[in-house]
N, C-alpha and C. Protein backbone atom coordinates (compact mmCIF):
# COMPACT_ATOMS: atom_id res chain seq x y z
N MET A 1 -6.86 5.08 -13.99
CA MET A 1 -5.49 4.85 -13.56
C MET A 1 -4.86 3.82 -14.51
N LYS A 2 -3.65 4.06 -14.89
CA LYS A 2 -2.94 3.14 -15.77
C LYS A 2 -2.56 1.86 -15.03
N LYS A 3 -2.37 0.79 -15.78
CA LYS A 3 -2.04 -0.50 -15.17
C LYS A 3 -0.74 -0.44 -14.38
N GLN A 4 0.26 0.25 -14.92
CA GLN A 4 1.54 0.34 -14.21
C GLN A 4 1.39 1.09 -12.89
N GLN A 5 0.60 2.14 -12.89
CA GLN A 5 0.37 2.89 -11.65
C GLN A 5 -0.35 2.00 -10.64
N ALA A 6 -1.34 1.27 -11.10
CA ALA A 6 -2.08 0.38 -10.21
C ALA A 6 -1.16 -0.70 -9.63
N ARG A 7 -0.27 -1.24 -10.45
CA ARG A 7 0.67 -2.27 -9.97
C ARG A 7 1.62 -1.70 -8.91
N ARG A 8 2.10 -0.49 -9.15
CA ARG A 8 3.01 0.13 -8.17
C ARG A 8 2.31 0.39 -6.85
N LYS A 9 1.11 0.93 -6.92
CA LYS A 9 0.36 1.19 -5.69
C LYS A 9 0.04 -0.11 -4.96
N GLU A 10 -0.31 -1.14 -5.71
CA GLU A 10 -0.57 -2.45 -5.10
C GLU A 10 0.70 -3.01 -4.46
N ALA A 11 1.83 -2.87 -5.13
CA ALA A 11 3.10 -3.36 -4.58
C ALA A 11 3.44 -2.63 -3.28
N LEU A 12 3.22 -1.33 -3.25
CA LEU A 12 3.49 -0.56 -2.04
C LEU A 12 2.56 -0.99 -0.91
N GLY A 13 1.29 -1.17 -1.23
CA GLY A 13 0.33 -1.63 -0.22
C GLY A 13 0.68 -3.01 0.31
N ASN A 14 1.04 -3.91 -0.59
CA ASN A 14 1.42 -5.26 -0.16
C ASN A 14 2.68 -5.24 0.70
N SER A 15 3.63 -4.40 0.35
CA SER A 15 4.86 -4.33 1.14
C SER A 15 4.57 -3.80 2.54
N LEU A 16 3.65 -2.85 2.63
CA LEU A 16 3.27 -2.36 3.96
C LEU A 16 2.67 -3.49 4.79
N LEU A 17 1.81 -4.29 4.19
CA LEU A 17 1.21 -5.40 4.92
C LEU A 17 2.25 -6.42 5.38
N VAL A 18 3.22 -6.70 4.53
CA VAL A 18 4.30 -7.62 4.91
C VAL A 18 5.06 -7.07 6.11
N LEU A 19 5.38 -5.79 6.06
CA LEU A 19 6.13 -5.18 7.16
C LEU A 19 5.31 -5.09 8.44
N LEU A 20 4.00 -4.88 8.30
CA LEU A 20 3.15 -4.80 9.50
C LEU A 20 3.07 -6.14 10.24
N ARG A 21 3.35 -7.22 9.55
CA ARG A 21 3.37 -8.53 10.22
C ARG A 21 4.61 -8.68 11.10
N LYS A 22 5.62 -7.85 10.84
CA LYS A 22 6.89 -7.96 11.56
C LYS A 22 7.05 -6.92 12.66
N GLU A 23 6.49 -5.71 12.44
CA GLU A 23 6.68 -4.65 13.42
C GLU A 23 5.53 -3.64 13.35
N PRO A 24 5.36 -2.84 14.40
CA PRO A 24 4.27 -1.86 14.42
C PRO A 24 4.49 -0.74 13.40
N LEU A 25 3.41 -0.11 13.01
CA LEU A 25 3.43 0.95 12.01
C LEU A 25 4.39 2.08 12.41
N GLU A 26 4.44 2.39 13.68
CA GLU A 26 5.28 3.49 14.15
C GLU A 26 6.75 3.27 13.83
N LYS A 27 7.18 2.00 13.74
CA LYS A 27 8.58 1.70 13.50
C LYS A 27 8.91 1.51 12.01
N ILE A 28 7.88 1.43 11.17
CA ILE A 28 8.10 1.21 9.74
C ILE A 28 8.40 2.55 9.07
N THR A 29 9.41 2.55 8.21
CA THR A 29 9.78 3.77 7.50
C THR A 29 9.38 3.66 6.02
N VAL A 30 9.32 4.80 5.37
CA VAL A 30 9.04 4.83 3.93
C VAL A 30 10.15 4.09 3.19
N ASP A 31 11.38 4.22 3.65
CA ASP A 31 12.49 3.50 3.02
C ASP A 31 12.26 1.99 3.06
N GLN A 32 11.82 1.48 4.19
CA GLN A 32 11.55 0.04 4.31
C GLN A 32 10.44 -0.39 3.34
N ILE A 33 9.40 0.40 3.27
CA ILE A 33 8.28 0.10 2.37
C ILE A 33 8.77 0.05 0.93
N CYS A 34 9.57 1.03 0.54
CA CYS A 34 10.09 1.11 -0.83
C CYS A 34 11.03 -0.05 -1.14
N ARG A 35 11.88 -0.40 -0.19
CA ARG A 35 12.79 -1.53 -0.40
C ARG A 35 12.00 -2.82 -0.60
N GLU A 36 11.01 -3.02 0.24
CA GLU A 36 10.18 -4.23 0.16
C GLU A 36 9.42 -4.29 -1.17
N ALA A 37 8.96 -3.14 -1.64
CA ALA A 37 8.19 -3.08 -2.89
C ALA A 37 9.08 -3.04 -4.12
N GLY A 38 10.35 -2.73 -3.92
CA GLY A 38 11.27 -2.63 -5.05
C GLY A 38 11.06 -1.37 -5.89
N VAL A 39 10.69 -0.28 -5.22
CA VAL A 39 10.50 0.99 -5.92
C VAL A 39 11.32 2.09 -5.25
N HIS A 40 11.55 3.16 -5.96
CA HIS A 40 12.30 4.30 -5.45
C HIS A 40 11.38 5.16 -4.57
N ARG A 41 11.99 5.88 -3.64
CA ARG A 41 11.21 6.77 -2.76
C ARG A 41 10.38 7.78 -3.54
N SER A 42 10.93 8.27 -4.64
CA SER A 42 10.18 9.25 -5.44
C SER A 42 8.88 8.65 -5.98
N THR A 43 8.91 7.34 -6.28
CA THR A 43 7.70 6.66 -6.74
C THR A 43 6.67 6.64 -5.62
N PHE A 44 7.14 6.34 -4.40
CA PHE A 44 6.23 6.35 -3.26
C PHE A 44 5.55 7.70 -3.12
N TYR A 45 6.34 8.76 -3.16
CA TYR A 45 5.80 10.10 -2.94
C TYR A 45 5.00 10.62 -4.14
N ARG A 46 5.11 9.98 -5.28
CA ARG A 46 4.27 10.33 -6.42
C ARG A 46 2.81 9.97 -6.13
N TYR A 47 2.63 8.90 -5.35
CA TYR A 47 1.28 8.40 -5.09
C TYR A 47 0.76 8.69 -3.69
N PHE A 48 1.65 8.80 -2.72
CA PHE A 48 1.23 8.95 -1.33
C PHE A 48 2.01 10.05 -0.63
N THR A 49 1.38 10.70 0.34
CA THR A 49 2.06 11.76 1.08
C THR A 49 2.94 11.20 2.20
N ASP A 50 2.51 10.09 2.79
CA ASP A 50 3.27 9.45 3.87
C ASP A 50 2.75 8.02 4.06
N LYS A 51 3.30 7.32 5.03
CA LYS A 51 2.89 5.93 5.25
C LYS A 51 1.44 5.82 5.73
N PHE A 52 0.95 6.85 6.38
CA PHE A 52 -0.44 6.83 6.83
C PHE A 52 -1.40 6.98 5.66
N ASP A 53 -1.00 7.74 4.67
CA ASP A 53 -1.78 7.87 3.44
C ASP A 53 -1.83 6.52 2.71
N LEU A 54 -0.71 5.82 2.68
CA LEU A 54 -0.67 4.47 2.09
C LEU A 54 -1.56 3.52 2.87
N LEU A 55 -1.52 3.59 4.18
CA LEU A 55 -2.36 2.73 5.02
C LEU A 55 -3.84 2.99 4.73
N LYS A 56 -4.20 4.25 4.62
CA LYS A 56 -5.59 4.62 4.31
C LYS A 56 -6.00 4.06 2.94
N TYR A 57 -5.13 4.23 1.94
CA TYR A 57 -5.41 3.70 0.60
C TYR A 57 -5.59 2.18 0.65
N SER A 58 -4.70 1.49 1.36
CA SER A 58 -4.77 0.03 1.45
C SER A 58 -6.06 -0.42 2.14
N PHE A 59 -6.43 0.27 3.19
CA PHE A 59 -7.65 -0.06 3.92
C PHE A 59 -8.88 0.15 3.04
N LEU A 60 -8.93 1.28 2.36
CA LEU A 60 -10.09 1.56 1.49
C LEU A 60 -10.17 0.57 0.33
N THR A 61 -9.03 0.20 -0.22
CA THR A 61 -9.00 -0.79 -1.29
C THR A 61 -9.53 -2.13 -0.80
N PHE A 62 -9.12 -2.53 0.40
CA PHE A 62 -9.59 -3.76 1.01
C PHE A 62 -11.10 -3.71 1.25
N MET A 63 -11.58 -2.59 1.75
CA MET A 63 -13.02 -2.46 2.05
C MET A 63 -13.86 -2.52 0.78
N VAL A 64 -13.39 -1.91 -0.29
CA VAL A 64 -14.12 -1.96 -1.56
C VAL A 64 -14.16 -3.40 -2.08
N ALA A 65 -13.03 -4.09 -2.00
CA ALA A 65 -12.98 -5.49 -2.45
C ALA A 65 -13.90 -6.37 -1.61
N LEU A 66 -13.93 -6.13 -0.32
CA LEU A 66 -14.80 -6.88 0.59
C LEU A 66 -16.27 -6.60 0.26
N ALA A 67 -16.63 -5.35 0.05
CA ALA A 67 -18.00 -5.00 -0.28
C ALA A 67 -18.42 -5.64 -1.59
N CYS A 68 -17.55 -5.65 -2.57
CA CYS A 68 -17.84 -6.28 -3.86
C CYS A 68 -18.06 -7.78 -3.69
N ALA A 69 -17.23 -8.39 -2.87
CA ALA A 69 -17.35 -9.84 -2.64
C ALA A 69 -18.65 -10.17 -1.92
N LEU A 70 -19.04 -9.33 -0.97
CA LEU A 70 -20.26 -9.60 -0.21
C LEU A 70 -21.51 -9.38 -1.05
N THR A 71 -21.47 -8.41 -1.94
CA THR A 71 -22.65 -8.14 -2.77
C THR A 71 -22.75 -9.08 -3.96
N ALA A 72 -21.66 -9.78 -4.28
CA ALA A 72 -21.66 -10.71 -5.40
C ALA A 72 -22.40 -12.00 -5.07
N ASP A 73 -22.58 -12.26 -3.78
CA ASP A 73 -23.25 -13.51 -3.37
C ASP A 73 -24.71 -13.49 -3.59
């Protein structure tokens, strides 16, 4: 994956986490996620099918990072 793609996906994931601190997932829209991340909707849909796909990606990314941190000790 290219660095720019990774940065965009990370920005979208981070924006979802910011929004989840304010309201439940059911009330969060793709538009809100894109606004928070500073990307266009088409960018969102280039990488993810919906907000649940983004949530899954964010969770898996977190779990991989956690596993790496635990095995590094």
